C-alpha atoms as a PDB file:
ATOM      1  CA  MET A   1     256.497 225.249 -37.840  1.00  0.00           C
ATOM      2  CA  ALA A   2     254.577 223.750 -40.713  1.00  0.00           C
ATOM      3  CA  LYS A   3     251.966 220.984 -40.734  1.00  0.00           C
ATOM      4  CA  PHE A   4     252.660 217.715 -42.520  1.00  0.00           C
ATOM      5  CA  VAL A   5     250.200 214.964 -43.328  1.00  0.00           C
ATOM      6  CA  LEU A   6     251.589 211.430 -43.153  1.00  0.00           C
ATOM      7  CA  LEU A   7     249.541 209.004 -45.263  1.00  0.00           C
ATOM      8  CA  TYR A   8     250.095 205.304 -44.658  1.00  0.00           C
ATOM      9  CA  SER A   9     249.431 202.511 -47.074  1.00  0.00           C
ATOM     10  CA  GLY A  10     250.067 198.865 -46.527  1.00  0.00           C
ATOM     11  CA  HIS A  11     249.500 195.982 -44.249  1.00  0.00           C
ATOM     12  CA  GLU A  12     248.800 196.885 -40.616  1.00  0.00           C
ATOM     13  CA  GLY A  13     248.503 193.821 -38.443  1.00  0.00           C
ATOM     14  CA  MET A  14     245.967 191.737 -40.322  1.00  0.00           C
ATOM     15  CA  GLY A  15     246.866 188.064 -40.291  1.00  0.00           C
ATOM     16  CA  HIS A  16     249.453 188.321 -37.531  1.00  0.00           C
ATOM     17  CA  SER A  17     249.610 185.973 -34.581  1.00  0.00           C
ATOM     18  CA  PRO A  18     248.370 187.473 -31.292  1.00  0.00           C
ATOM     19  CA  GLU A  19     251.983 187.941 -30.185  1.00  0.00           C
ATOM     20  CA  GLU A  20     252.949 189.706 -33.422  1.00  0.00           C
ATOM     21  CA  ALA A  21     249.848 191.911 -33.256  1.00  0.00           C
ATOM     22  CA  GLU A  22     250.698 192.877 -29.663  1.00  0.00           C
ATOM     23  CA  ALA A  23     254.290 193.702 -30.592  1.00  0.00           C
ATOM     24  CA  LEU A  24     253.060 195.820 -33.516  1.00  0.00           C
ATOM     25  CA  ALA A  25     250.595 197.664 -31.250  1.00  0.00           C
ATOM     26  CA  MET A  26     253.420 198.387 -28.798  1.00  0.00           C
ATOM     27  CA  ALA A  27     255.603 199.679 -31.648  1.00  0.00           C
ATOM     28  CA  TRP A  28     252.816 202.097 -32.674  1.00  0.00           C
ATOM     29  CA  MET A  29     252.384 203.337 -29.092  1.00  0.00           C
ATOM     30  CA  THR A  30     256.146 203.857 -28.733  1.00  0.00           C
ATOM     31  CA  TRP A  31     256.348 205.741 -32.039  1.00  0.00           C
ATOM     32  CA  TYR A  32     253.456 208.041 -31.079  1.00  0.00           C
ATOM     33  CA  ARG A  33     255.055 208.689 -27.679  1.00  0.00           C
ATOM     34  CA  ASP A  34     258.406 209.477 -29.298  1.00  0.00           C
ATOM     35  CA  LEU A  35     256.752 212.005 -31.640  1.00  0.00           C
ATOM     36  CA  GLY A  36     255.620 213.911 -28.547  1.00  0.00           C
ATOM     37  CA  ASP A  37     254.206 217.405 -29.013  1.00  0.00           C
ATOM     38  CA  SER A  38     254.780 217.322 -32.769  1.00  0.00           C
ATOM     39  CA  VAL A  39     251.559 215.286 -33.151  1.00  0.00           C
ATOM     40  CA  LEU A  40     248.836 217.752 -34.132  1.00  0.00           C
ATOM     41  CA  ASP A  41     246.189 215.158 -35.027  1.00  0.00           C
ATOM     42  CA  SER A  42     246.705 211.545 -34.021  1.00  0.00           C
ATOM     43  CA  GLY A  43     244.766 210.450 -37.073  1.00  0.00           C
ATOM     44  CA  GLY A  44     243.786 206.836 -37.270  1.00  0.00           C
ATOM     45  CA  PRO A  45     242.995 204.026 -39.627  1.00  0.00           C
ATOM     46  CA  LEU A  46     241.155 204.603 -42.890  1.00  0.00           C
ATOM     47  CA  GLY A  47     238.570 202.258 -44.340  1.00  0.00           C
ATOM     48  CA  PRO A  48     237.260 201.660 -47.843  1.00  0.00           C
ATOM     49  CA  SER A  49     237.424 204.638 -50.187  1.00  0.00           C
ATOM     50  CA  VAL A  50     236.509 205.823 -53.654  1.00  0.00           C
ATOM     51  CA  SER A  51     237.765 208.618 -55.907  1.00  0.00           C
ATOM     52  CA  ILE A  52     235.275 210.858 -57.678  1.00  0.00           C
ATOM     53  CA  VAL A  53     236.449 212.198 -61.032  1.00  0.00           C
ATOM     54  CA  ALA A  54     235.403 215.320 -62.959  1.00  0.00           C
ATOM     55  CA  ASP A  55     232.478 213.671 -64.749  1.00  0.00           C
ATOM     56  CA  GLY A  56     231.045 212.496 -61.411  1.00  0.00           C
ATOM     57  CA  SER A  57     231.924 208.859 -61.906  1.00  0.00           C
ATOM     58  CA  THR A  58     233.923 206.919 -59.343  1.00  0.00           C
ATOM     59  CA  GLN A  59     237.038 204.815 -59.498  1.00  0.00           C
ATOM     60  CA  ASP A  60     239.208 202.954 -57.031  1.00  0.00           C
ATOM     61  CA  ALA A  61     241.086 205.286 -54.709  1.00  0.00           C
ATOM     62  CA  LEU A  62     244.673 204.953 -53.552  1.00  0.00           C
ATOM     63  CA  PRO A  63     244.941 202.147 -50.979  1.00  0.00           C
ATOM     64  CA  LEU A  64     245.502 204.343 -47.918  1.00  0.00           C
ATOM     65  CA  THR A  65     245.210 202.678 -44.525  1.00  0.00           C
ATOM     66  CA  GLY A  66     245.770 205.579 -42.111  1.00  0.00           C
ATOM     67  CA  TYR A  67     247.016 209.097 -41.473  1.00  0.00           C
ATOM     68  CA  LEU A  68     248.679 211.342 -38.894  1.00  0.00           C
ATOM     69  CA  ILE A  69     249.361 215.089 -38.872  1.00  0.00           C
ATOM     70  CA  VAL A  70     252.602 216.368 -37.356  1.00  0.00           C
ATOM     71  CA  SER A  71     254.433 219.653 -37.077  1.00  0.00           C
ATOM     72  CA  ALA A  72     257.992 220.032 -38.324  1.00  0.00           C
ATOM     73  CA  ASP A  73     260.266 222.787 -39.590  1.00  0.00           C
ATOM     74  CA  THR A  74     260.970 221.134 -42.947  1.00  0.00           C
ATOM     75  CA  LEU A  75     259.778 218.328 -45.190  1.00  0.00           C
ATOM     76  CA  SER A  76     263.018 216.521 -44.417  1.00  0.00           C
ATOM     77  CA  GLU A  77     262.337 216.710 -40.672  1.00  0.00           C
ATOM     78  CA  ALA A  78     258.787 215.413 -41.197  1.00  0.00           C
ATOM     79  CA  ALA A  79     260.151 212.545 -43.300  1.00  0.00           C
ATOM     80  CA  ASP A  80     262.587 211.692 -40.510  1.00  0.00           C
ATOM     81  CA  LYS A  81     259.645 211.507 -38.096  1.00  0.00           C
ATOM     82  CA  ALA A  82     257.770 209.263 -40.533  1.00  0.00           C
ATOM     83  CA  ALA A  83     260.770 206.946 -40.875  1.00  0.00           C
ATOM     84  CA  GLY A  84     260.075 205.460 -37.440  1.00  0.00           C
ATOM     85  CA  CYS A  85     256.502 204.445 -38.273  1.00  0.00           C
ATOM     86  CA  PRO A  86     255.778 200.754 -37.664  1.00  0.00           C
ATOM     87  CA  VAL A  87     253.825 200.447 -40.919  1.00  0.00           C
ATOM     88  CA  LEU A  88     257.216 200.486 -42.675  1.00  0.00           C
ATOM     89  CA  SER A  89     258.397 197.392 -40.803  1.00  0.00           C
ATOM     90  CA  ASP A  90     255.182 195.673 -41.853  1.00  0.00           C
ATOM     91  CA  GLY A  91     255.767 196.180 -45.598  1.00  0.00           C
ATOM     92  CA  GLY A  92     253.860 199.449 -45.940  1.00  0.00           C
ATOM     93  CA  THR A  93     254.808 202.897 -47.185  1.00  0.00           C
ATOM     94  CA  ILE A  94     254.264 206.469 -46.028  1.00  0.00           C
ATOM     95  CA  GLU A  95     253.730 209.605 -48.090  1.00  0.00           C
ATOM     96  CA  VAL A  96     254.627 212.893 -46.399  1.00  0.00           C
ATOM     97  CA  HIS A  97     252.819 215.997 -47.653  1.00  0.00           C
ATOM     98  CA  GLU A  98     253.179 219.540 -46.425  1.00  0.00           C
ATOM     99  CA  ALA A  99     249.796 221.087 -45.655  1.00  0.00           C
ATOM    100  CA  THR A 100     250.306 224.484 -47.276  1.00  0.00           C
ATOM    101  CA  PRO A 101     248.288 227.474 -46.106  1.00  0.00           C
ATOM    102  CA  PHE A 102     245.806 229.093 -48.471  1.00  0.00           C
END
């Protein structure tokens, strides 16, 4: 099994009514439960970020809002696992990257 990093970007509950926020929280809990033992690192939300470039200066980083690390046999299988993520139903996106060994 390989490791895959799921990187979320997008809106995650800000500005929702209390009922919508509760439903979104339940969707996240259900998705995590359904992933089961494939979750290697439950990750979490990400805050403000900056990219540092070769000359040492900084620039805006990609607008990532969270991450999760899962195990899967293939990139396709990892993408299938990502497809159930609630961030997608909230207008966000997910990048799936294989964590390759050195």
